[in-house]
Each structure stands twice: as structure tokens, then as C-alpha cells.
PDB file of N, CA and C in Angstrom:
ATOM      1  N   UNK A   1     120.253 113.323 104.407  1.00  0.00           N
ATOM      2  CA  UNK A   1     119.738 112.856 105.674  1.00  0.00           C
ATOM      3  C   UNK A   1     118.539 111.957 105.407  1.00  0.00           C
ATOM      4  N   UNK A   2     118.503 110.839 106.094  1.00  0.00           N
ATOM      5  CA  UNK A   2     117.374 109.913 105.938  1.00  0.00           C
ATOM      6  C   UNK A   2     116.180 110.382 106.769  1.00  0.00           C
ATOM      7  N   UNK A   3     116.403 110.745 107.999  1.00  0.00           N
ATOM      8  CA  UNK A   3     115.449 111.314 108.950  1.00  0.00           C
ATOM      9  C   UNK A   3     114.390 110.348 109.477  1.00  0.00           C
ATOM     10  N   UNK A   4     114.435 109.082 109.083  1.00  0.00           N
ATOM     11  CA  UNK A   4     113.497 108.109 109.654  1.00  0.00           C
ATOM     12  C   UNK A   4     114.140 106.725 109.713  1.00  0.00           C
ATOM     13  N   UNK A   5     115.368 106.675 110.213  1.00  0.00           N
ATOM     14  CA  UNK A   5     116.029 105.378 110.356  1.00  0.00           C
ATOM     15  C   UNK A   5     115.400 104.606 111.507  1.00  0.00           C
ATOM     16  N   UNK A   6     115.083 103.361 111.236  1.00  0.00           N
ATOM     17  CA  UNK A   6     114.507 102.454 112.229  1.00  0.00           C
ATOM     18  C   UNK A   6     114.739 101.035 111.711  1.00  0.00           C
ATOM     19  N   UNK A   7     114.607 100.032 112.562  1.00  0.00           N
ATOM     20  CA  UNK A   7     114.886  98.667 112.118  1.00  0.00           C
ATOM     21  C   UNK A   7     114.075  98.238 110.883  1.00  0.00           C
ATOM     22  N   UNK A   8     112.871  98.722 110.750  1.00  0.00           N
ATOM     23  CA  UNK A   8     112.038  98.360 109.602  1.00  0.00           C
ATOM     24  C   UNK A   8     112.606  98.876 108.283  1.00  0.00           C
ATOM     25  N   UNK A   9     113.480  99.883 108.343  1.00  0.00           N
ATOM     26  CA  UNK A   9     114.068 100.468 107.134  1.00  0.00           C
ATOM     27  C   UNK A   9     115.480  99.969 106.868  1.00  0.00           C
ATOM     28  N   UNK A  10     115.896  98.920 107.559  1.00  0.00           N
ATOM     29  CA  UNK A  10     117.219  98.339 107.359  1.00  0.00           C
ATOM     30  C   UNK A  10     117.036  96.883 106.952  1.00  0.00           C
ATOM     31  N   UNK A  11     117.622  96.539 105.808  1.00  0.00           N
ATOM     32  CA  UNK A  11     117.522  95.177 105.297  1.00  0.00           C
ATOM     33  C   UNK A  11     118.916  94.577 105.157  1.00  0.00           C
ATOM     34  N   UNK A  12     119.010  93.265 105.308  1.00  0.00           N
ATOM     35  CA  UNK A  12     120.241  92.547 105.030  1.00  0.00           C
ATOM     36  C   UNK A  12     120.084  91.879 103.676  1.00  0.00           C
ATOM     37  N   UNK A  13     121.073  92.094 102.798  1.00  0.00           N
ATOM     38  CA  UNK A  13     121.011  91.480 101.482  1.00  0.00           C
ATOM     39  C   UNK A  13     121.278  89.985 101.610  1.00  0.00           C
ATOM     40  N   UNK A  14     120.459  89.203 100.960  1.00  0.00           N
ATOM     41  CA  UNK A  14     120.597  87.747 101.062  1.00  0.00           C
ATOM     42  C   UNK A  14     121.915  87.326 100.405  1.00  0.00           C
ATOM     43  N   UNK A  15     122.797  86.877 101.217  1.00  0.00           N
ATOM     44  CA  UNK A  15     124.121  86.435 100.813  1.00  0.00           C
ATOM     45  C   UNK A  15     124.503  85.346 101.810  1.00  0.00           C
ATOM     46  N   UNK A  16     125.505  84.606 101.558  1.00  0.00           N
ATOM     47  CA  UNK A  16     125.843  83.544 102.503  1.00  0.00           C
ATOM     48  C   UNK A  16     126.299  84.083 103.848  1.00  0.00           C
ATOM     49  N   UNK A  17     126.784  85.320 103.892  1.00  0.00           N
ATOM     50  CA  UNK A  17     127.249  85.913 105.148  1.00  0.00           C
ATOM     51  C   UNK A  17     126.305  86.974 105.714  1.00  0.00           C
ATOM     52  N   UNK A  18     125.289  87.373 104.971  1.00  0.00           N
ATOM     53  CA  UNK A  18     124.399  88.468 105.379  1.00  0.00           C
ATOM     54  C   UNK A  18     125.213  89.689 105.828  1.00  0.00           C
ATOM     55  N   UNK A  19     126.235  90.037 105.073  1.00  0.00           N
ATOM     56  CA  UNK A  19     127.116  91.130 105.456  1.00  0.00           C
ATOM     57  C   UNK A  19     126.844  92.434 104.703  1.00  0.00           C
ATOM     58  N   UNK A  20     125.833  92.455 103.868  1.00  0.00           N
ATOM     59  CA  UNK A  20     125.520  93.661 103.102  1.00  0.00           C
ATOM     60  C   UNK A  20     124.232  94.267 103.629  1.00  0.00           C
ATOM     61  N   UNK A  21     124.318  95.508 104.084  1.00  0.00           N
ATOM     62  CA  UNK A  21     123.172  96.211 104.656  1.00  0.00           C
ATOM     63  C   UNK A  21     122.600  97.176 103.628  1.00  0.00           C
ATOM     64  N   UNK A  22     121.293  97.213 103.521  1.00  0.00           N
ATOM     65  CA  UNK A  22     120.603  98.147 102.625  1.00  0.00           C
ATOM     66  C   UNK A  22     119.655  99.002 103.445  1.00  0.00           C
ATOM     67  N   UNK A  23     119.664 100.305 103.187  1.00  0.00           N
ATOM     68  CA  UNK A  23     118.732 101.244 103.814  1.00  0.00           C
ATOM     69  C   UNK A  23     117.626 101.518 102.797  1.00  0.00           C
ATOM     70  N   UNK A  24     116.374 101.472 103.248  1.00  0.00           N
ATOM     71  CA  UNK A  24     115.234 101.696 102.349  1.00  0.00           C
ATOM     72  C   UNK A  24     114.354 102.827 102.878  1.00  0.00           C
ATOM     73  N   UNK A  25     113.319 103.163 102.130  1.00  0.00           N
ATOM     74  CA  UNK A  25     112.295 104.162 102.467  1.00  0.00           C
ATOM     75  C   UNK A  25     112.887 105.560 102.641  1.00  0.00           C
ATOM     76  N   UNK A  26     113.199 106.178 101.531  1.00  0.00           N
ATOM     77  CA  UNK A  26     113.772 107.515 101.543  1.00  0.00           C
ATOM     78  C   UNK A  26     112.702 108.598 101.333  1.00  0.00           C
ATOM     79  N   UNK A  27     111.470 108.313 101.734  1.00  0.00           N
ATOM     80  CA  UNK A  27     110.363 109.255 101.567  1.00  0.00           C
ATOM     81  C   UNK A  27     110.520 110.536 102.365  1.00  0.00           C
ATOM     82  N   UNK A  28     111.192 110.476 103.513  1.00  0.00           N
ATOM     83  CA  UNK A  28     111.366 111.669 104.345  1.00  0.00           C
ATOM     84  C   UNK A  28     112.771 112.260 104.222  1.00  0.00           C
ATOM     85  N   UNK A  29     113.598 111.673 103.364  1.00  0.00           N
ATOM     86  CA  UNK A  29     114.986 112.132 103.266  1.00  0.00           C
ATOM     87  C   UNK A  29     115.100 113.431 102.472  1.00  0.00           C
ATOM     88  N   UNK A  30     116.210 114.103 102.675  1.00  0.00           N
ATOM     89  CA  UNK A  30     116.520 115.306 101.902  1.00  0.00           C
ATOM     90  C   UNK A  30     118.021 115.519 101.879  1.00  0.00           C
ATOM     91  N   UNK A  31     118.463 116.312 100.916  1.00  0.00           N
ATOM     92  CA  UNK A  31     119.890 116.615 100.792  1.00  0.00           C
ATOM     93  C   UNK A  31     120.259 117.654 101.845  1.00  0.00           C
ATOM     94  N   UNK A  32     121.340 117.402 102.561  1.00  0.00           N
ATOM     95  CA  UNK A  32     121.805 118.301 103.612  1.00  0.00           C
ATOM     96  C   UNK A  32     122.588 119.453 103.010  1.00  0.00           C
ATOM     97  N   UNK A  33     122.305 120.655 103.470  1.00  0.00           N
ATOM     98  CA  UNK A  33     123.062 121.837 103.085  1.00  0.00           C
ATOM     99  C   UNK A  33     123.800 122.337 104.316  1.00  0.00           C
ATOM    100  N   UNK A  34     125.111 122.470 104.207  1.00  0.00           N
ATOM    101  CA  UNK A  34     125.932 122.883 105.338  1.00  0.00           C
ATOM    102  C   UNK A  34     125.492 124.253 105.864  1.00  0.00           C
ATOM    103  N   UNK A  35     125.354 124.335 107.182  1.00  0.00           N
ATOM    104  CA  UNK A  35     124.978 125.592 107.824  1.00  0.00           C
ATOM    105  C   UNK A  35     123.483 125.841 107.893  1.00  0.00           C
ATOM    106  N   UNK A  36     122.680 124.948 107.338  1.00  0.00           N
ATOM    107  CA  UNK A  36     121.226 125.121 107.339  1.00  0.00           C
ATOM    108  C   UNK A  36     120.616 124.127 108.326  1.00  0.00           C
ATOM    109  N   UNK A  37     119.891 124.646 109.313  1.00  0.00           N
ATOM    110  CA  UNK A  37     119.192 123.791 110.264  1.00  0.00           C
ATOM    111  C   UNK A  37     117.790 123.513 109.751  1.00  0.00           C
ATOM    112  N   UNK A  38     117.358 122.280 109.893  1.00  0.00           N
ATOM    113  CA  UNK A  38     116.024 121.873 109.457  1.00  0.00           C
ATOM    114  C   UNK A  38     115.048 122.109 110.606  1.00  0.00           C
ATOM    115  N   UNK A  39     113.848 122.552 110.292  1.00  0.00           N
ATOM    116  CA  UNK A  39     112.866 122.884 111.329  1.00  0.00           C
ATOM    117  C   UNK A  39     111.629 122.001 111.283  1.00  0.00           C
ATOM    118  N   UNK A  40     111.625 121.007 110.409  1.00  0.00           N
ATOM    119  CA  UNK A  40     110.492 120.102 110.277  1.00  0.00           C
ATOM    120  C   UNK A  40     110.587 118.991 111.317  1.00  0.00           C
ATOM    121  N   UNK A  41     109.524 118.744 112.041  1.00  0.00           N
ATOM    122  CA  UNK A  41     109.518 117.685 113.049  1.00  0.00           C
ATOM    123  C   UNK A  41     108.823 116.463 112.465  1.00  0.00           C
ATOM    124  N   UNK A  42     109.620 115.419 112.163  1.00  0.00           N
ATOM    125  CA  UNK A  42     109.046 114.186 111.643  1.00  0.00           C
ATOM    126  C   UNK A  42     109.934 113.011 111.984  1.00  0.00           C
ATOM    127  N   UNK A  43     109.412 111.818 111.813  1.00  0.00           N
ATOM    128  CA  UNK A  43     110.139 110.601 112.126  1.00  0.00           C
ATOM    129  C   UNK A  43     109.317 109.704 113.022  1.00  0.00           C
ATOM    130  N   UNK A  44     109.868 108.547 113.328  1.00  0.00           N
ATOM    131  CA  UNK A  44     109.214 107.590 114.205  1.00  0.00           C
ATOM    132  C   UNK A  44     109.583 107.919 115.643  1.00  0.00           C
ATOM    133  N   UNK A  45     108.607 108.102 116.519  1.00  0.00           N
ATOM    134  CA  UNK A  45     108.850 108.607 117.877  1.00  0.00           C
ATOM    135  C   UNK A  45     109.980 107.939 118.665  1.00  0.00           C
ATOM    136  N   UNK A  46     110.101 106.627 118.625  1.00  0.00           N
ATOM    137  CA  UNK A  46     111.129 105.958 119.436  1.00  0.00           C
ATOM    138  C   UNK A  46     112.550 106.242 118.962  1.00  0.00           C
ATOM    139  N   UNK A  47     112.721 106.697 117.736  1.00  0.00           N
ATOM    140  CA  UNK A  47     114.054 106.864 117.144  1.00  0.00           C
ATOM    141  C   UNK A  47     114.431 108.313 116.882  1.00  0.00           C
ATOM    142  N   UNK A  48     113.599 109.264 117.291  1.00  0.00           N
ATOM    143  CA  UNK A  48     113.842 110.685 117.016  1.00  0.00           C
ATOM    144  C   UNK A  48     114.874 111.257 117.974  1.00  0.00           C
ATOM    145  N   UNK A  49     115.816 112.015 117.423  1.00  0.00           N
ATOM    146  CA  UNK A  49     116.819 112.706 118.230  1.00  0.00           C
ATOM    147  C   UNK A  49     116.176 113.904 118.936  1.00  0.00           C
ATOM    148  N   UNK A  50     116.694 114.280 120.104  1.00  0.00           N
ATOM    149  CA  UNK A  50     116.141 115.444 120.822  1.00  0.00           C
ATOM    150  C   UNK A  50     116.183 116.732 119.989  1.00  0.00           C
ATOM    151  N   UNK A  51     117.179 116.867 119.123  1.00  0.00           N
ATOM    152  CA  UNK A  51     117.286 118.064 118.280  1.00  0.00           C
ATOM    153  C   UNK A  51     116.105 118.196 117.329  1.00  0.00           C
ATOM    154  N   UNK A  52     115.580 117.052 116.877  1.00  0.00           N
ATOM    155  CA  UNK A  52     114.422 117.073 115.965  1.00  0.00           C
ATOM    156  C   UNK A  52     113.201 117.623 116.702  1.00  0.00           C
ATOM    157  N   UNK A  53     113.038 117.217 117.952  1.00  0.00           N
ATOM    158  CA  UNK A  53     111.913 117.714 118.746  1.00  0.00           C
ATOM    159  C   UNK A  53     112.030 119.211 119.007  1.00  0.00           C
ATOM    160  N   UNK A  54     113.263 119.714 119.068  1.00  0.00           N
ATOM    161  CA  UNK A  54     113.487 121.156 119.248  1.00  0.00           C
ATOM    162  C   UNK A  54     113.396 121.916 117.933  1.00  0.00           C
ATOM    163  N   UNK A  55     113.212 121.176 116.836  1.00  0.00           N
ATOM    164  CA  UNK A  55     113.084 121.738 115.483  1.00  0.00           C
ATOM    165  C   UNK A  55     114.313 122.527 115.049  1.00  0.00           C
ATOM    166  N   UNK A  56     115.491 122.019 115.392  1.00  0.00           N
ATOM    167  CA  UNK A  56     116.740 122.642 114.943  1.00  0.00           C
ATOM    168  C   UNK A  56     117.796 121.541 114.876  1.00  0.00           C
ATOM    169  N   UNK A  57     117.903 120.895 113.698  1.00  0.00           N
ATOM    170  CA  UNK A  57     118.775 119.732 113.582  1.00  0.00           C
ATOM    171  C   UNK A  57     119.458 119.655 112.220  1.00  0.00           C
ATOM    172  N   UNK A  58     120.416 118.750 112.145  1.00  0.00           N
ATOM    173  CA  UNK A  58     121.165 118.493 110.923  1.00  0.00           C
ATOM    174  C   UNK A  58     121.329 117.000 110.735  1.00  0.00           C
ATOM    175  N   UNK A  59     122.362 116.589 109.993  1.00  0.00           N
ATOM    176  CA  UNK A  59     122.522 115.172 109.667  1.00  0.00           C
ATOM    177  C   UNK A  59     122.837 114.277 110.862  1.00  0.00           C
ATOM    178  N   UNK A  60     123.226 114.834 111.980  1.00  0.00           N
ATOM    179  CA  UNK A  60     123.534 114.026 113.154  1.00  0.00           C
ATOM    180  C   UNK A  60     122.291 113.365 113.752  1.00  0.00           C
ATOM    181  N   UNK A  61     121.117 113.783 113.325  1.00  0.00           N
ATOM    182  CA  UNK A  61     119.896 113.125 113.809  1.00  0.00           C
ATOM    183  C   UNK A  61     119.874 111.664 113.387  1.00  0.00           C
ATOM    184  N   UNK A  62     120.483 111.341 112.250  1.00  0.00           N
ATOM    185  CA  UNK A  62     120.560 109.951 111.810  1.00  0.00           C
ATOM    186  C   UNK A  62     121.521 109.151 112.685  1.00  0.00           C
ATOM    187  N   UNK A  63     122.559 109.782 113.190  1.00  0.00           N
ATOM    188  CA  UNK A  63     123.502 109.107 114.092  1.00  0.00           C
ATOM    189  C   UNK A  63     122.780 108.713 115.377  1.00  0.00           C
ATOM    190  N   UNK A  64     121.934 109.603 115.887  1.00  0.00           N
ATOM    191  CA  UNK A  64     121.143 109.296 117.091  1.00  0.00           C
ATOM    192  C   UNK A  64     120.281 108.056 116.834  1.00  0.00           C
ATOM    193  N   UNK A  65     119.601 108.038 115.697  1.00  0.00           N
ATOM    194  CA  UNK A  65     118.743 106.901 115.363  1.00  0.00           C
ATOM    195  C   UNK A  65     119.550 105.606 115.280  1.00  0.00           C
ATOM    196  N   UNK A  66     120.746 105.659 114.716  1.00  0.00           N
ATOM    197  CA  UNK A  66     121.615 104.474 114.652  1.00  0.00           C
ATOM    198  C   UNK A  66     121.983 103.998 116.056  1.00  0.00           C
ATOM    199  N   UNK A  67     122.222 104.930 116.972  1.00  0.00           N
ATOM    200  CA  UNK A  67     122.532 104.566 118.349  1.00  0.00           C
ATOM    201  C   UNK A  67     121.361 103.880 119.041  1.00  0.00           C
ATOM    202  N   UNK A  68     120.165 104.363 118.797  1.00  0.00           N
ATOM    203  CA  UNK A  68     118.971 103.741 119.372  1.00  0.00           C
ATOM    204  C   UNK A  68     118.790 102.326 118.815  1.00  0.00           C
ATOM    205  N   UNK A  69     118.999 102.192 117.510  1.00  0.00           N
ATOM    206  CA  UNK A  69     118.878 100.872 116.881  1.00  0.00           C
ATOM    207  C   UNK A  69     119.921  99.920 117.457  1.00  0.00           C
ATOM    208  N   UNK A  70     121.157 100.379 117.630  1.00  0.00           N
ATOM    209  CA  UNK A  70     122.218  99.541 118.201  1.00  0.00           C
ATOM    210  C   UNK A  70     121.859  99.127 119.630  1.00  0.00           C
ATOM    211  N   UNK A  71     121.297 100.033 120.392  1.00  0.00           N
ATOM    212  CA  UNK A  71     120.889  99.717 121.767  1.00  0.00           C
ATOM    213  C   UNK A  71     119.805  98.637 121.792  1.00  0.00           C
ATOM    214  N   UNK A  72     118.843  98.748 120.883  1.00  0.00           N
ATOM    215  CA  UNK A  72     117.753  97.783 120.818  1.00  0.00           C
ATOM    216  C   UNK A  72     118.265  96.406 120.410  1.00  0.00           C
ATOM    217  N   UNK A  73     119.175  96.402 119.447  1.00  0.00           N
ATOM    218  CA  UNK A  73     119.716  95.116 118.966  1.00  0.00           C
ATOM    219  C   UNK A  73     120.541  94.482 120.060  1.00  0.00           C
TER     220      UNK A  73
END
């Protein structure tokens, strides 16, 4: 889980088509263990999933952040 996806952490690789996306800044990331809920509340406020605020979340918190980024774009 990345846990802090936001536009500042997404780069496009310089190519003629700009079709390669790179994710950076894995300082808050951790390996997901199935069946284990994370209780740490962190991330950038505009992109945090509601589950993170409730302190009971899993890898789907990154999907929420991707949805927010897509909405902004």
C-alpha cells in the first residue's frame, strides 16, 4: 500500500507519448498482509479515504486516492 497517493507523487516518464506513469515517494508505504487492518492515520488530507480516518483500512485506500485524483484531473 502506498497510503499517500496524490498528483505530486505521480510522474510521467519523458517519452514521445508520455504513456509511462511512475509512482514516487514510498515513505509511508508498507506491505499489505491479508486480514490485517491498519490503524495508523496518515496521508494528505484531500486524498484520504474515509476508512483511514476511522483507523481501520486496507489496500483499497489507494483506490480511493486514485478516484480523487481522477476527479481532479
